[in-house]
Protein backbone atom coordinates (compact mmCIF):
# COMPACT_ATOMS: atom_id res chain seq x y z
CA UNK A 1 27.18 39.88 53.91
CA UNK A 2 30.00 39.16 51.43
CA UNK A 3 31.21 36.29 53.63
CA UNK A 4 27.70 34.73 53.59
CA UNK A 5 27.57 34.93 49.78
CA UNK A 6 30.98 33.29 49.50
CA UNK A 7 29.85 30.49 51.83
CA UNK A 8 26.75 29.87 49.68
CA UNK A 9 28.83 29.76 46.49
CA UNK A 10 31.28 27.32 48.07
CA UNK A 11 28.36 25.18 49.28
CA UNK A 12 26.74 25.08 45.80
CA UNK A 13 30.01 24.05 44.15
CA UNK A 14 30.54 21.41 46.81
CA UNK A 15 27.08 19.94 46.19
CA UNK A 16 27.62 19.94 42.42
CA UNK A 17 30.91 18.12 42.93
CA UNK A 18 29.19 15.51 45.12
CA UNK A 19 26.37 15.01 42.57
CA UNK A 20 28.93 14.63 39.78
CA UNK A 21 30.80 12.01 41.76
CA UNK A 22 27.62 10.11 42.69
CA UNK A 23 26.00 10.14 39.22
CA UNK A 24 26.77 6.89 37.40
CA UNK A 25 27.56 6.10 33.79
CA UNK A 26 24.66 5.87 31.35
CA UNK A 27 24.12 4.78 27.75
CA UNK A 28 22.49 7.78 26.09
CA UNK A 29 22.90 6.59 22.48
CA UNK A 30 22.02 3.08 21.34
CA UNK A 31 19.93 1.94 18.35
CA UNK A 32 16.84 -0.08 19.15
CA UNK A 33 17.13 -1.85 15.77
CA UNK A 34 19.74 -2.15 13.03
CA UNK A 35 19.27 -3.65 9.57
CA UNK A 36 21.81 -4.97 7.05
CA UNK A 37 21.93 -7.12 3.93
CA UNK A 38 23.83 -10.41 4.01
CA UNK A 39 27.44 -9.97 2.90
CA UNK A 40 27.49 -6.24 3.62
CA UNK A 41 28.71 -4.23 6.64
CA UNK A 42 26.82 -3.79 9.90
CA UNK A 43 27.52 -0.83 12.22
CA UNK A 44 26.32 -0.34 15.80
CA UNK A 45 27.12 2.89 17.66
CA UNK A 46 26.95 3.54 21.40
CA UNK A 47 27.33 6.81 23.28
CA UNK A 48 28.07 6.93 27.04
CA UNK A 49 27.71 9.75 29.52
CA UNK A 50 31.41 9.44 30.39
CA UNK A 51 34.49 7.38 29.58
CA UNK A 52 33.83 3.81 30.62
CA UNK A 53 34.11 0.21 29.52
CA UNK A 54 31.20 -1.58 27.83
CA UNK A 55 30.00 -5.17 27.63
CA UNK A 56 27.98 -6.78 24.81
CA UNK A 57 26.03 -10.01 25.16
CA UNK A 58 23.94 -12.01 22.73
CA UNK A 59 20.56 -12.61 24.34
CA UNK A 60 19.08 -16.08 24.54
CA UNK A 61 15.86 -17.14 26.22
CA UNK A 62 17.74 -18.60 29.19
CA UNK A 63 21.46 -17.96 28.82
CA UNK A 64 23.37 -14.95 27.49
CA UNK A 65 26.51 -15.34 25.38
CA UNK A 66 29.33 -12.85 25.91
CA UNK A 67 30.45 -11.05 22.74
CA UNK A 68 32.72 -8.28 24.01
CA UNK A 69 33.99 -6.82 27.25
CA UNK A 70 36.38 -3.90 27.02
CA UNK A 71 38.97 -4.34 25.63
CA UNK A 72 38.49 -7.88 24.21
CA UNK A 73 36.11 -9.92 22.05
CA UNK A 74 35.50 -13.55 22.89
CA UNK A 75 37.14 -16.11 20.60
CA UNK A 76 33.94 -16.79 18.64
CA UNK A 77 33.54 -13.14 17.57
CA UNK A 78 37.06 -11.70 17.45
CA UNK A 79 37.77 -12.70 13.83
CA UNK A 80 34.83 -10.83 12.25
CA UNK A 81 33.75 -8.22 14.80
CA UNK A 82 35.72 -5.01 15.33
CA UNK A 83 35.43 -2.05 17.71
CA UNK A 84 36.71 1.53 17.60
CA UNK A 85 38.39 2.58 19.85
CA UNK A 86 39.86 -0.56 21.39
CA UNK A 87 40.08 0.80 24.94
CA UNK A 88 37.71 2.59 27.32
CA UNK A 89 35.83 5.47 25.72
CA UNK A 90 32.62 7.49 25.83
CA UNK A 91 31.76 6.38 22.26
CA UNK A 92 31.99 2.96 20.63
CA UNK A 93 31.55 1.84 17.03
CA UNK A 94 31.13 -1.91 16.53
CA UNK A 95 31.55 -3.13 12.94
CA UNK A 96 30.79 -6.50 11.38
CA UNK A 97 32.15 -7.01 7.86
CA UNK A 98 30.57 -9.57 5.54
CA UNK A 99 27.61 -10.03 7.85
CA UNK A 100 26.21 -13.59 8.03
CA UNK A 101 22.93 -15.21 9.03
CA UNK A 102 24.36 -16.08 12.45
CA UNK A 103 24.73 -12.35 13.19
CA UNK A 104 20.98 -11.86 13.35
CA UNK A 105 20.14 -11.69 17.05
CA UNK A 106 19.46 -9.31 19.97
CA UNK A 107 22.37 -7.60 21.71
CA UNK A 108 22.33 -6.39 25.29
CA UNK A 109 24.86 -3.61 25.97
CA UNK A 110 25.79 -2.97 29.61
CA UNK A 111 27.90 -0.32 31.34
CA UNK A 112 28.77 -0.33 35.04
CA UNK A 113 30.80 1.71 37.48
CA UNK A 114 31.01 2.04 41.25
CA UNK A 115 27.72 3.93 41.46
CA UNK A 116 25.36 2.43 38.89
CA UNK A 117 24.66 0.21 35.89
CA UNK A 118 22.77 0.82 32.67
CA UNK A 119 21.83 -1.38 29.73
CA UNK A 120 20.22 -1.13 26.28
CA UNK A 121 19.05 -3.79 23.83
CA UNK A 122 19.53 -3.69 20.06
CA UNK A 123 17.76 -6.02 17.63
CA UNK A 124 19.68 -7.04 14.49
CA UNK A 125 17.71 -7.94 11.35
CA UNK A 126 19.39 -9.33 8.23
CA UNK A 127 17.81 -9.71 4.80
CA UNK A 128 18.65 -11.17 1.41
CA UNK A 129 17.12 -11.40 -2.08
CA UNK A 130 14.04 -9.66 -3.43
CA UNK A 131 10.44 -9.71 -2.31
CA UNK A 132 8.64 -12.42 -4.30
CA UNK A 133 5.05 -13.25 -5.26
CA UNK A 134 4.75 -17.04 -5.05
CA UNK A 135 1.00 -17.59 -5.41
CA UNK A 136 -1.80 -15.65 -7.06
CA UNK A 137 -4.94 -16.58 -9.03
CA UNK A 138 -4.23 -17.64 -12.60
CA UNK A 139 -7.91 -18.00 -13.48
CA UNK A 140 -10.65 -15.39 -13.60
CA UNK A 141 -12.07 -14.67 -10.14
CA UNK A 142 -15.69 -13.86 -9.33
CA UNK A 143 -16.86 -10.82 -7.39
CA UNK A 144 -17.35 -11.46 -3.64
CA UNK A 145 -15.40 -14.73 -3.70
CA UNK A 146 -12.05 -15.26 -1.92
CA UNK A 147 -8.64 -15.91 -3.44
CA UNK A 148 -5.15 -16.45 -1.99
CA UNK A 149 -2.19 -14.14 -2.53
CA UNK A 150 1.15 -15.25 -1.05
CA UNK A 151 4.52 -13.47 -0.91
CA UNK A 152 7.91 -14.42 0.54
CA UNK A 153 11.00 -12.61 1.76
CA UNK A 154 14.28 -13.86 3.27
CA UNK A 155 14.84 -12.39 6.73
CA UNK A 156 16.89 -13.44 9.75
CA UNK A 157 17.23 -12.15 13.28
CA UNK A 158 14.86 -9.97 15.26
CA UNK A 159 12.82 -7.61 13.10
CA UNK A 160 9.90 -5.21 13.07
CA UNK A 161 7.98 -5.25 9.78
CA UNK A 162 4.83 -4.20 7.97
CA UNK A 163 3.95 -6.75 5.25
CA UNK A 164 0.96 -6.12 2.96
CA UNK A 165 -0.65 -6.66 -0.45
CA UNK A 166 -1.01 -3.51 -2.56
CA UNK A 167 -3.05 -2.30 -5.55
CA UNK A 168 -2.77 1.20 -7.02
CA UNK A 169 -0.39 2.13 -4.17
CA UNK A 170 -3.04 1.39 -1.54
CA UNK A 171 -3.29 -1.52 0.86
CA UNK A 172 -5.79 -4.24 -0.01
CA UNK A 173 -8.10 -5.19 2.82
CA UNK A 174 -7.58 -8.87 3.59
CA UNK A 175 -7.27 -11.52 6.28
CA UNK A 176 -3.52 -12.12 6.50
CA UNK A 177 -1.11 -14.27 8.47
CA UNK A 178 2.66 -13.85 8.68
CA UNK A 179 4.90 -16.82 9.45
CA UNK A 180 8.66 -17.12 10.09
CA UNK A 181 10.48 -20.34 9.20
CA UNK A 182 14.29 -20.59 9.16
CA UNK A 183 15.02 -17.25 7.53
CA UNK A 184 11.86 -17.17 5.43
CA UNK A 185 9.00 -14.81 6.16
CA UNK A 186 5.71 -15.56 4.38
CA UNK A 187 2.64 -13.36 3.97
CA UNK A 188 -0.50 -15.41 3.28
CA UNK A 189 -3.46 -13.19 2.41
CA UNK A 190 -7.05 -14.22 1.80
CA UNK A 191 -8.66 -11.50 -0.31
CA UNK A 192 -12.29 -10.96 -1.30
CA UNK A 193 -12.56 -10.08 -4.99
CA UNK A 194 -14.24 -6.76 -5.75
CA UNK A 195 -15.26 -5.20 -9.06
CA UNK A 196 -12.54 -2.53 -8.98
CA UNK A 197 -9.80 -5.20 -8.83
CA UNK A 198 -10.48 -6.33 -12.38
CA UNK A 199 -7.40 -6.05 -14.60
CA UNK A 200 -5.46 -4.18 -11.91
CA UNK A 201 -1.83 -4.86 -10.97
CA UNK A 202 -1.18 -6.43 -7.55
CA UNK A 203 2.13 -6.50 -5.70
CA UNK A 204 3.50 -7.04 -2.21
CA UNK A 205 5.21 -4.41 -0.09
CA UNK A 206 7.33 -4.84 3.03
CA UNK A 207 8.59 -2.17 5.40
CA UNK A 208 11.59 -3.30 7.44
CA UNK A 209 11.96 -0.86 10.32
CA UNK A 210 15.31 0.36 11.52
CA UNK A 211 15.74 2.69 14.51
CA UNK A 212 12.33 4.35 14.99
CA UNK A 213 8.95 3.90 13.32
CA UNK A 214 9.66 6.52 10.64
CA UNK A 215 12.97 4.97 9.58
CA UNK A 216 12.60 1.89 7.40
CA UNK A 217 13.70 0.09 4.26
CA UNK A 218 10.95 -0.37 1.67
CA UNK A 219 10.75 -3.47 -0.53
CA UNK A 220 8.30 -4.09 -3.38
CA UNK A 221 7.84 -7.21 -5.48
CA UNK A 222 9.41 -6.50 -8.87
CA UNK A 223 6.84 -8.10 -11.17
CA UNK A 224 3.25 -7.05 -10.35
CA UNK A 225 0.53 -9.46 -11.49
CA UNK A 226 -2.88 -8.60 -12.91
CA UNK A 227 -6.06 -10.16 -11.50
CA UNK A 228 -9.15 -10.78 -13.63
CA UNK A 229 -12.49 -10.43 -11.84
CA UNK A 230 -15.95 -11.11 -13.22
CA UNK A 231 -18.52 -8.72 -11.78
CA UNK A 232 -22.15 -7.91 -12.40
CA UNK A 233 -23.26 -4.89 -14.40
CA UNK A 234 -23.13 -1.54 -12.56
CA UNK A 235 -23.07 2.26 -13.01
CA UNK A 236 -25.69 2.58 -15.75
CA UNK A 237 -26.08 5.99 -17.39
CA UNK A 238 -27.94 7.51 -20.37
CA UNK A 239 -26.57 10.43 -22.41
CA UNK A 240 -28.54 12.51 -24.95
CA UNK A 241 -27.29 13.70 -28.33
CA UNK A 242 -29.99 16.22 -29.31
CA UNK A 243 -28.36 17.15 -32.62
CA UNK A 244 -28.57 13.56 -33.84
CA UNK A 245 -31.74 12.60 -31.92
CA UNK A 246 -29.81 9.77 -30.24
CA UNK A 247 -29.73 8.25 -26.76
CA UNK A 248 -26.54 6.48 -25.62
CA UNK A 249 -26.70 3.94 -22.79
CA UNK A 250 -23.52 2.96 -20.92
CA UNK A 251 -22.61 0.68 -18.02
CA UNK A 252 -19.61 -1.28 -16.77
CA UNK A 253 -19.20 -4.95 -15.95
CA UNK A 254 -17.20 -8.05 -16.74
CA UNK A 255 -18.29 -9.59 -19.06
CA UNK A 256 -18.95 -6.34 -20.92
CA UNK A 257 -22.68 -5.48 -20.63
CA UNK A 258 -25.18 -5.86 -23.46
CA UNK A 259 -28.16 -3.53 -23.94
CA UNK A 260 -31.88 -3.53 -24.68
CA UNK A 261 -33.98 -0.44 -25.46
CA UNK A 262 -37.74 -0.54 -24.85
CA UNK A 263 -40.64 1.77 -25.50
CA UNK A 264 -43.24 2.47 -22.82
CA UNK A 265 -45.33 -0.49 -23.98
CA UNK A 266 -42.39 -2.88 -23.40
CA UNK A 267 -41.51 -3.39 -27.05
CA UNK A 268 -37.77 -3.88 -27.66
CA UNK A 269 -36.71 -1.32 -30.27
CA UNK A 270 -32.91 -1.80 -30.15
CA UNK A 271 -30.26 -4.16 -28.78
CA UNK A 272 -27.43 -1.68 -29.25
CA UNK A 273 -26.05 0.78 -26.70
CA UNK A 274 -27.21 3.60 -28.99
CA UNK A 275 -30.86 4.33 -29.79
CA UNK A 276 -31.71 6.53 -32.78
CA UNK A 277 -35.10 8.19 -32.31
CA UNK A 278 -37.24 7.50 -35.38
CA UNK A 279 -39.35 10.13 -37.14
CA UNK A 280 -42.58 8.34 -36.28
CA UNK A 281 -41.82 8.65 -32.55
CA UNK A 282 -42.89 12.28 -32.51
CA UNK A 283 -43.42 14.16 -29.28
CA UNK A 284 -42.29 13.33 -25.79
CA UNK A 285 -41.77 9.63 -25.00
CA UNK A 286 -40.19 7.51 -22.28
CA UNK A 287 -37.33 5.25 -23.35
CA UNK A 288 -36.02 2.48 -21.10
CA UNK A 289 -32.49 1.05 -21.31
CA UNK A 290 -31.60 -2.29 -19.72
CA UNK A 291 -27.91 -3.16 -19.36
CA UNK A 292 -27.14 -6.79 -18.55
CA UNK A 293 -24.46 -9.43 -18.29
CA UNK A 294 -24.16 -13.01 -17.05
CA UNK A 295 -21.89 -13.96 -14.13
CA UNK A 296 -21.82 -17.57 -12.91
CA UNK A 297 -24.77 -18.41 -15.17
CA UNK A 298 -26.90 -15.71 -13.55
CA UNK A 299 -28.30 -12.80 -15.57
CA UNK A 300 -27.74 -9.45 -13.86
CA UNK A 301 -29.63 -6.36 -15.01
CA UNK A 302 -29.81 -2.62 -14.42
CA UNK A 303 -32.54 -0.43 -15.90
CA UNK A 304 -32.84 3.30 -16.39
CA UNK A 305 -35.59 5.39 -18.04
CA UNK A 306 -35.30 8.75 -19.74
CA UNK A 307 -37.84 11.10 -21.35
CA UNK A 308 -37.05 12.56 -24.75
CA UNK A 309 -38.92 14.83 -27.19
CA UNK A 310 -38.32 14.16 -30.86
CA UNK A 311 -37.30 17.27 -32.77
CA UNK A 312 -40.03 18.46 -35.21
CA UNK A 313 -37.81 20.86 -37.17
CA UNK A 314 -37.44 18.43 -40.04
CA UNK A 315 -41.22 17.95 -40.61
CA UNK A 316 -41.87 21.70 -40.30
CA UNK A 317 -39.43 22.43 -43.09
CA UNK A 318 -41.09 19.79 -45.26
CA UNK A 319 -44.50 21.40 -44.71
CA UNK A 320 -43.08 24.81 -45.60
CA UNK A 321 -41.66 23.47 -48.86
CA UNK A 322 -44.94 21.79 -49.73
CA UNK A 323 -46.82 25.04 -49.09
CA UNK A 324 -44.44 27.00 -51.36
CA UNK A 325 -44.93 24.44 -54.14
CA UNK A 326 -48.71 24.71 -53.72
CA UNK A 327 -48.64 28.53 -54.12
CA UNK A 328 -46.32 28.26 -57.12
CA UNK A 329 -48.76 25.91 -58.84
CA UNK A 330 -51.63 28.35 -58.24
CA UNK A 331 -49.52 31.25 -59.50
CA UNK A 332 -48.58 29.39 -62.67
CA UNK A 333 -52.22 28.51 -63.26
CA UNK A 334 -53.27 32.17 -63.03
CA UNK A 335 -50.50 33.27 -65.37
CA UNK A 336 -51.40 30.64 -67.94
CA UNK A 337 -55.04 31.83 -68.01
């Protein structure tokens, strides 16, 4: 039985040795995207399953351009590109100092041996300058009408981005197009003006993704701009101040709303936001507030009605005083007799 066990162990080790010999080299570490600023340093790391040479090519639509094949760079790249180590290895670090616009492209890394071949692509994106707002409305906009908001950013190479217009740290819903032209990326957004945009700060935001969707550089335009929006009156409300016998009407809008108070019969009794209940309006009455403004020569109105009972405490005290005076007069008359 011991001999059979030894045979099985020898067989297993033999098979493992065969599998090890047959298995080819693989690239297990390679960034899908790398990002760098013009003039700075770009690093690209590769990890192989075993010691082996590596080849880098710049990808074109039809023809690939050789960059490096262990141990040498081609003449076009050898002055600015470097690699560590210089010979065959299981890890490679490619470095580009003082990166230039021409370095923005897609690299195809390839490893081969007698048994197999493997390859990975890496997209290089290069950026420069700040995110800029180049067009926004300088005049007052009107609710429900469209306006343009345009931002620009300098970007070269192959990139993955998220470009959007922001307000209060939230994305503004819009119809947007993104165009690339010779190192310039432009976001052109058509936005529908809404009431809550009035006097709010707008800015652009760009996420430039590196390796993975959760790894990115975030850019924001430095100087947010405020948008003015005219909108019709909304959100009317009436508050009661019982101590002062007052009703306060409020609403929002741009232009700022004006007010009209009416009695039940339609008579306007005040054109102020505050209505002071008069003494002659005793008992329970209905009071109607109309808030209004004018947008694009059109009068917009909102109306709300409230019931209110005038306090009678003041008149009761007056009656009590009058009654006391009456009894005092009678008392004085009796005494004088």
